[in-house]
C-alpha atoms as a PDB file:
ATOM      1  CA  UNK A   1     -42.376  -5.398  83.504  1.00  0.00           C
ATOM      2  CA  UNK A   2     -41.099  -3.254  86.361  1.00  0.00           C
ATOM      3  CA  UNK A   3     -39.967   0.285  85.567  1.00  0.00           C
ATOM      4  CA  UNK A   4     -36.256   0.804  86.248  1.00  0.00           C
ATOM      5  CA  UNK A   5     -34.597   4.057  87.247  1.00  0.00           C
ATOM      6  CA  UNK A   6     -31.326   5.800  86.520  1.00  0.00           C
ATOM      7  CA  UNK A   7     -28.784   5.935  89.327  1.00  0.00           C
ATOM      8  CA  UNK A   8     -28.914   9.660  90.047  1.00  0.00           C
ATOM      9  CA  UNK A   9     -26.708   9.929  93.122  1.00  0.00           C
ATOM     10  CA  UNK A  10     -22.952   9.896  92.425  1.00  0.00           C
ATOM     11  CA  UNK A  11     -22.283   8.336  95.842  1.00  0.00           C
ATOM     12  CA  UNK A  12     -24.503   5.423  94.816  1.00  0.00           C
ATOM     13  CA  UNK A  13     -22.507   5.084  91.595  1.00  0.00           C
ATOM     14  CA  UNK A  14     -19.265   5.020  93.593  1.00  0.00           C
ATOM     15  CA  UNK A  15     -20.772   2.374  95.883  1.00  0.00           C
ATOM     16  CA  UNK A  16     -21.714   0.316  92.814  1.00  0.00           C
ATOM     17  CA  UNK A  17     -18.127   0.641  91.558  1.00  0.00           C
ATOM     18  CA  UNK A  18     -16.799  -0.689  94.867  1.00  0.00           C
ATOM     19  CA  UNK A  19     -19.213  -3.610  95.070  1.00  0.00           C
ATOM     20  CA  UNK A  20     -18.705  -4.609  91.438  1.00  0.00           C
ATOM     21  CA  UNK A  21     -14.924  -4.294  91.654  1.00  0.00           C
ATOM     22  CA  UNK A  22     -14.957  -6.554  94.728  1.00  0.00           C
ATOM     23  CA  UNK A  23     -16.831  -9.156  92.627  1.00  0.00           C
ATOM     24  CA  UNK A  24     -14.608  -8.934  89.549  1.00  0.00           C
ATOM     25  CA  UNK A  25     -12.848  -6.501  87.242  1.00  0.00           C
ATOM     26  CA  UNK A  26     -15.129  -7.655  84.426  1.00  0.00           C
ATOM     27  CA  UNK A  27     -18.267  -6.688  86.363  1.00  0.00           C
ATOM     28  CA  UNK A  28     -16.849  -3.281  87.253  1.00  0.00           C
ATOM     29  CA  UNK A  29     -15.842  -2.599  83.633  1.00  0.00           C
ATOM     30  CA  UNK A  30     -19.208  -3.723  82.265  1.00  0.00           C
ATOM     31  CA  UNK A  31     -20.989  -1.243  84.528  1.00  0.00           C
ATOM     32  CA  UNK A  32     -18.461   1.522  84.005  1.00  0.00           C
ATOM     33  CA  UNK A  33     -18.389   1.266  80.205  1.00  0.00           C
ATOM     34  CA  UNK A  34     -22.182   1.213  80.073  1.00  0.00           C
ATOM     35  CA  UNK A  35     -22.702   4.326  82.185  1.00  0.00           C
ATOM     36  CA  UNK A  36     -19.897   6.221  80.428  1.00  0.00           C
ATOM     37  CA  UNK A  37     -20.977   5.479  76.845  1.00  0.00           C
ATOM     38  CA  UNK A  38     -24.730   5.003  77.002  1.00  0.00           C
ATOM     39  CA  UNK A  39     -24.454   1.975  74.752  1.00  0.00           C
ATOM     40  CA  UNK A  40     -27.335  -0.464  74.777  1.00  0.00           C
ATOM     41  CA  UNK A  41     -26.690  -3.611  76.795  1.00  0.00           C
ATOM     42  CA  UNK A  42     -26.762  -5.822  73.700  1.00  0.00           C
ATOM     43  CA  UNK A  43     -24.118  -3.570  72.088  1.00  0.00           C
ATOM     44  CA  UNK A  44     -21.887  -3.942  75.138  1.00  0.00           C
ATOM     45  CA  UNK A  45     -22.376  -7.697  75.369  1.00  0.00           C
ATOM     46  CA  UNK A  46     -21.587  -8.044  71.637  1.00  0.00           C
ATOM     47  CA  UNK A  47     -18.541  -5.788  71.891  1.00  0.00           C
ATOM     48  CA  UNK A  48     -15.305  -7.371  70.709  1.00  0.00           C
ATOM     49  CA  UNK A  49     -11.789  -6.335  71.638  1.00  0.00           C
ATOM     50  CA  UNK A  50     -11.242  -5.200  68.053  1.00  0.00           C
ATOM     51  CA  UNK A  51     -14.108  -2.699  68.328  1.00  0.00           C
ATOM     52  CA  UNK A  52     -12.535  -1.138  71.427  1.00  0.00           C
ATOM     53  CA  UNK A  53      -9.026  -0.797  70.037  1.00  0.00           C
ATOM     54  CA  UNK A  54      -7.680   1.850  67.695  1.00  0.00           C
ATOM     55  CA  UNK A  55      -4.986   1.240  65.068  1.00  0.00           C
ATOM     56  CA  UNK A  56      -2.242   1.572  67.737  1.00  0.00           C
ATOM     57  CA  UNK A  57      -3.888  -1.107  69.934  1.00  0.00           C
ATOM     58  CA  UNK A  58      -4.907   1.469  72.517  1.00  0.00           C
ATOM     59  CA  UNK A  59      -8.465   1.833  73.762  1.00  0.00           C
ATOM     60  CA  UNK A  60     -10.367   4.311  71.600  1.00  0.00           C
ATOM     61  CA  UNK A  61     -10.512   7.826  73.014  1.00  0.00           C
ATOM     62  CA  UNK A  62     -14.178   8.240  72.186  1.00  0.00           C
ATOM     63  CA  UNK A  63     -17.228   6.371  71.072  1.00  0.00           C
ATOM     64  CA  UNK A  64     -19.386   7.739  68.288  1.00  0.00           C
ATOM     65  CA  UNK A  65     -22.781   6.873  66.963  1.00  0.00           C
ATOM     66  CA  UNK A  66     -21.880   7.555  63.345  1.00  0.00           C
ATOM     67  CA  UNK A  67     -25.264   6.355  62.143  1.00  0.00           C
ATOM     68  CA  UNK A  68     -26.970   9.027  64.281  1.00  0.00           C
ATOM     69  CA  UNK A  69     -25.621  12.540  63.707  1.00  0.00           C
ATOM     70  CA  UNK A  70     -22.023  11.612  64.643  1.00  0.00           C
ATOM     71  CA  UNK A  71     -22.152  12.440  68.356  1.00  0.00           C
ATOM     72  CA  UNK A  72     -18.935  11.540  70.174  1.00  0.00           C
ATOM     73  CA  UNK A  73     -18.728  10.373  73.775  1.00  0.00           C
ATOM     74  CA  UNK A  74     -15.303  10.547  75.409  1.00  0.00           C
ATOM     75  CA  UNK A  75     -14.216   7.472  77.333  1.00  0.00           C
ATOM     76  CA  UNK A  76     -12.376   8.693  80.475  1.00  0.00           C
ATOM     77  CA  UNK A  77      -8.655   7.965  80.741  1.00  0.00           C
ATOM     78  CA  UNK A  78      -9.048   5.815  83.889  1.00  0.00           C
ATOM     79  CA  UNK A  79     -11.605   3.633  82.097  1.00  0.00           C
ATOM     80  CA  UNK A  80      -9.478   3.314  78.943  1.00  0.00           C
ATOM     81  CA  UNK A  81      -6.517   2.319  81.099  1.00  0.00           C
ATOM     82  CA  UNK A  82      -8.557  -0.224  83.089  1.00  0.00           C
ATOM     83  CA  UNK A  83     -10.003  -1.746  79.915  1.00  0.00           C
ATOM     84  CA  UNK A  84      -6.563  -2.132  78.352  1.00  0.00           C
ATOM     85  CA  UNK A  85      -5.172  -3.737  81.518  1.00  0.00           C
ATOM     86  CA  UNK A  86      -8.158  -6.095  81.650  1.00  0.00           C
ATOM     87  CA  UNK A  87      -7.733  -7.119  77.996  1.00  0.00           C
ATOM     88  CA  UNK A  88      -4.039  -7.827  78.557  1.00  0.00           C
ATOM     89  CA  UNK A  89      -4.573  -9.648  81.870  1.00  0.00           C
ATOM     90  CA  UNK A  90      -7.326 -11.839  80.406  1.00  0.00           C
ATOM     91  CA  UNK A  91      -5.174 -12.369  77.277  1.00  0.00           C
ATOM     92  CA  UNK A  92      -8.130 -11.519  75.065  1.00  0.00           C
ATOM     93  CA  UNK A  93      -7.628 -11.705  71.310  1.00  0.00           C
ATOM     94  CA  UNK A  94      -8.980  -9.102  68.879  1.00  0.00           C
ATOM     95  CA  UNK A  95     -11.995 -11.232  67.933  1.00  0.00           C
ATOM     96  CA  UNK A  96     -12.897 -12.164  71.533  1.00  0.00           C
ATOM     97  CA  UNK A  97     -15.906 -10.682  73.255  1.00  0.00           C
ATOM     98  CA  UNK A  98     -14.790  -8.202  75.904  1.00  0.00           C
ATOM     99  CA  UNK A  99     -17.299  -9.438  78.477  1.00  0.00           C
ATOM    100  CA  UNK A 100     -17.213 -13.220  78.756  1.00  0.00           C
ATOM    101  CA  UNK A 101     -18.487 -15.752  81.227  1.00  0.00           C
ATOM    102  CA  UNK A 102     -15.772 -16.597  83.744  1.00  0.00           C
ATOM    103  CA  UNK A 103     -16.698 -20.297  83.645  1.00  0.00           C
ATOM    104  CA  UNK A 104     -17.364 -20.916  79.954  1.00  0.00           C
ATOM    105  CA  UNK A 105     -15.305 -18.097  78.380  1.00  0.00           C
ATOM    106  CA  UNK A 106     -18.273 -17.520  76.045  1.00  0.00           C
ATOM    107  CA  UNK A 107     -20.099 -14.254  75.576  1.00  0.00           C
ATOM    108  CA  UNK A 108     -21.775 -13.023  78.760  1.00  0.00           C
ATOM    109  CA  UNK A 109     -25.537 -13.514  78.483  1.00  0.00           C
ATOM    110  CA  UNK A 110     -28.129 -10.841  79.095  1.00  0.00           C
ATOM    111  CA  UNK A 111     -29.393 -12.828  82.089  1.00  0.00           C
ATOM    112  CA  UNK A 112     -25.901 -12.985  83.603  1.00  0.00           C
ATOM    113  CA  UNK A 113     -25.427  -9.249  83.020  1.00  0.00           C
ATOM    114  CA  UNK A 114     -28.779  -8.530  84.681  1.00  0.00           C
ATOM    115  CA  UNK A 115     -27.869 -10.669  87.678  1.00  0.00           C
ATOM    116  CA  UNK A 116     -24.493  -8.898  88.036  1.00  0.00           C
ATOM    117  CA  UNK A 117     -26.055  -5.422  88.047  1.00  0.00           C
ATOM    118  CA  UNK A 118     -29.143  -6.333  90.072  1.00  0.00           C
ATOM    119  CA  UNK A 119     -27.220  -8.146  92.829  1.00  0.00           C
ATOM    120  CA  UNK A 120     -24.744  -5.254  93.151  1.00  0.00           C
ATOM    121  CA  UNK A 121     -27.600  -2.737  93.318  1.00  0.00           C
ATOM    122  CA  UNK A 122     -29.283  -4.777  96.052  1.00  0.00           C
ATOM    123  CA  UNK A 123     -25.999  -4.859  98.017  1.00  0.00           C
ATOM    124  CA  UNK A 124     -25.784  -1.075  97.749  1.00  0.00           C
ATOM    125  CA  UNK A 125     -29.430  -0.721  98.767  1.00  0.00           C
ATOM    126  CA  UNK A 126     -30.731   0.499  95.407  1.00  0.00           C
ATOM    127  CA  UNK A 127     -34.097  -0.657  94.102  1.00  0.00           C
ATOM    128  CA  UNK A 128     -35.626  -0.632  90.623  1.00  0.00           C
ATOM    129  CA  UNK A 129     -32.211  -1.088  89.014  1.00  0.00           C
ATOM    130  CA  UNK A 130     -31.821  -3.229  85.914  1.00  0.00           C
ATOM    131  CA  UNK A 131     -29.882  -3.229  82.676  1.00  0.00           C
ATOM    132  CA  UNK A 132     -31.770  -0.243  81.240  1.00  0.00           C
ATOM    133  CA  UNK A 133     -30.711   1.696  84.339  1.00  0.00           C
ATOM    134  CA  UNK A 134     -27.189   1.856  82.919  1.00  0.00           C
ATOM    135  CA  UNK A 135     -28.204   3.712  79.754  1.00  0.00           C
ATOM    136  CA  UNK A 136     -30.610   5.844  81.783  1.00  0.00           C
ATOM    137  CA  UNK A 137     -27.789   6.704  84.205  1.00  0.00           C
ATOM    138  CA  UNK A 138     -25.588   7.825  81.301  1.00  0.00           C
ATOM    139  CA  UNK A 139     -28.369  10.003  79.870  1.00  0.00           C
ATOM    140  CA  UNK A 140     -29.336  11.464  83.246  1.00  0.00           C
ATOM    141  CA  UNK A 141     -25.780  12.503  84.104  1.00  0.00           C
ATOM    142  CA  UNK A 142     -25.199  13.850  80.587  1.00  0.00           C
ATOM    143  CA  UNK A 143     -28.288  16.013  81.103  1.00  0.00           C
ATOM    144  CA  UNK A 144     -27.166  17.109  84.573  1.00  0.00           C
ATOM    145  CA  UNK A 145     -23.735  18.051  83.203  1.00  0.00           C
ATOM    146  CA  UNK A 146     -25.359  20.491  80.793  1.00  0.00           C
ATOM    147  CA  UNK A 147     -25.751  18.475  77.591  1.00  0.00           C
ATOM    148  CA  UNK A 148     -28.969  19.561  75.897  1.00  0.00           C
ATOM    149  CA  UNK A 149     -31.908  17.195  75.915  1.00  0.00           C
ATOM    150  CA  UNK A 150     -32.053  17.360  72.119  1.00  0.00           C
ATOM    151  CA  UNK A 151     -28.459  16.051  71.807  1.00  0.00           C
ATOM    152  CA  UNK A 152     -29.196  13.250  74.295  1.00  0.00           C
ATOM    153  CA  UNK A 153     -32.408  12.477  72.394  1.00  0.00           C
ATOM    154  CA  UNK A 154     -30.487  12.126  69.123  1.00  0.00           C
ATOM    155  CA  UNK A 155     -27.782  10.000  70.727  1.00  0.00           C
ATOM    156  CA  UNK A 156     -30.329   7.636  72.266  1.00  0.00           C
ATOM    157  CA  UNK A 157     -32.402   7.519  69.080  1.00  0.00           C
ATOM    158  CA  UNK A 158     -35.571   8.753  70.761  1.00  0.00           C
ATOM    159  CA  UNK A 159     -38.426  10.218  68.743  1.00  0.00           C
ATOM    160  CA  UNK A 160     -39.234  13.122  71.072  1.00  0.00           C
ATOM    161  CA  UNK A 161     -37.800  15.267  73.842  1.00  0.00           C
ATOM    162  CA  UNK A 162     -40.621  14.118  76.099  1.00  0.00           C
ATOM    163  CA  UNK A 163     -39.601  10.487  75.573  1.00  0.00           C
ATOM    164  CA  UNK A 164     -36.028  11.361  76.585  1.00  0.00           C
ATOM    165  CA  UNK A 165     -37.101  13.321  79.664  1.00  0.00           C
ATOM    166  CA  UNK A 166     -39.299  10.417  80.757  1.00  0.00           C
ATOM    167  CA  UNK A 167     -36.431   7.986  80.073  1.00  0.00           C
ATOM    168  CA  UNK A 168     -34.073   9.891  82.394  1.00  0.00           C
ATOM    169  CA  UNK A 169     -36.803  10.431  84.989  1.00  0.00           C
ATOM    170  CA  UNK A 170     -36.788  14.220  84.759  1.00  0.00           C
ATOM    171  CA  UNK A 171     -40.195  15.830  85.047  1.00  0.00           C
ATOM    172  CA  UNK A 172     -39.255  19.491  84.888  1.00  0.00           C
ATOM    173  CA  UNK A 173     -36.359  21.448  83.505  1.00  0.00           C
ATOM    174  CA  UNK A 174     -35.405  24.283  85.819  1.00  0.00           C
ATOM    175  CA  UNK A 175     -33.038  26.317  83.718  1.00  0.00           C
ATOM    176  CA  UNK A 176     -33.239  30.020  83.342  1.00  0.00           C
ATOM    177  CA  UNK A 177     -32.794  31.054  79.759  1.00  0.00           C
ATOM    178  CA  UNK A 178     -32.641  34.612  78.565  1.00  0.00           C
ATOM    179  CA  UNK A 179     -32.861  35.533  74.935  1.00  0.00           C
ATOM    180  CA  UNK A 180     -32.085  39.111  74.105  1.00  0.00           C
ATOM    181  CA  UNK A 181     -31.978  40.211  70.506  1.00  0.00           C
ATOM    182  CA  UNK A 182     -30.761  43.516  69.205  1.00  0.00           C
ATOM    183  CA  UNK A 183     -31.505  43.224  65.528  1.00  0.00           C
END
């Protein structure tokens, strides 16, 4: 199995947005939700409208992994708005899968999701991009934004910091830390 990489460059992410949006709103939202939440692909493909909505029928403000230390991930306003518009436009019911096949209206398969992401990455000129790249992209950019590796490790359910660093393709941490105690 070929090793896949996170999408590290934000310009490449923007290019992926453009390509996927030109294909379909569904494809764009699949990619966007994945890289903003770090959910596993099977979690995203199994996601129902009901799981995305709060009690007021708005898209949830954040996503939490309550079974793992209750870490919350905020879903950006533009993404919440796009998801709500998509749900309304597609006339999805609460028990419908969010990401469905355009032809069959059934749950999008893992193979279809892979093809969507892989073809878009090829169009953008990115290589070694697959479904795991989405979760890796989330983790990489969380790390780059200053979230500690230990928090990312817990969120992803990894056993060690080294596993997480390898997952996000970071070999060294170049952060100056000063500890000064006056006890």
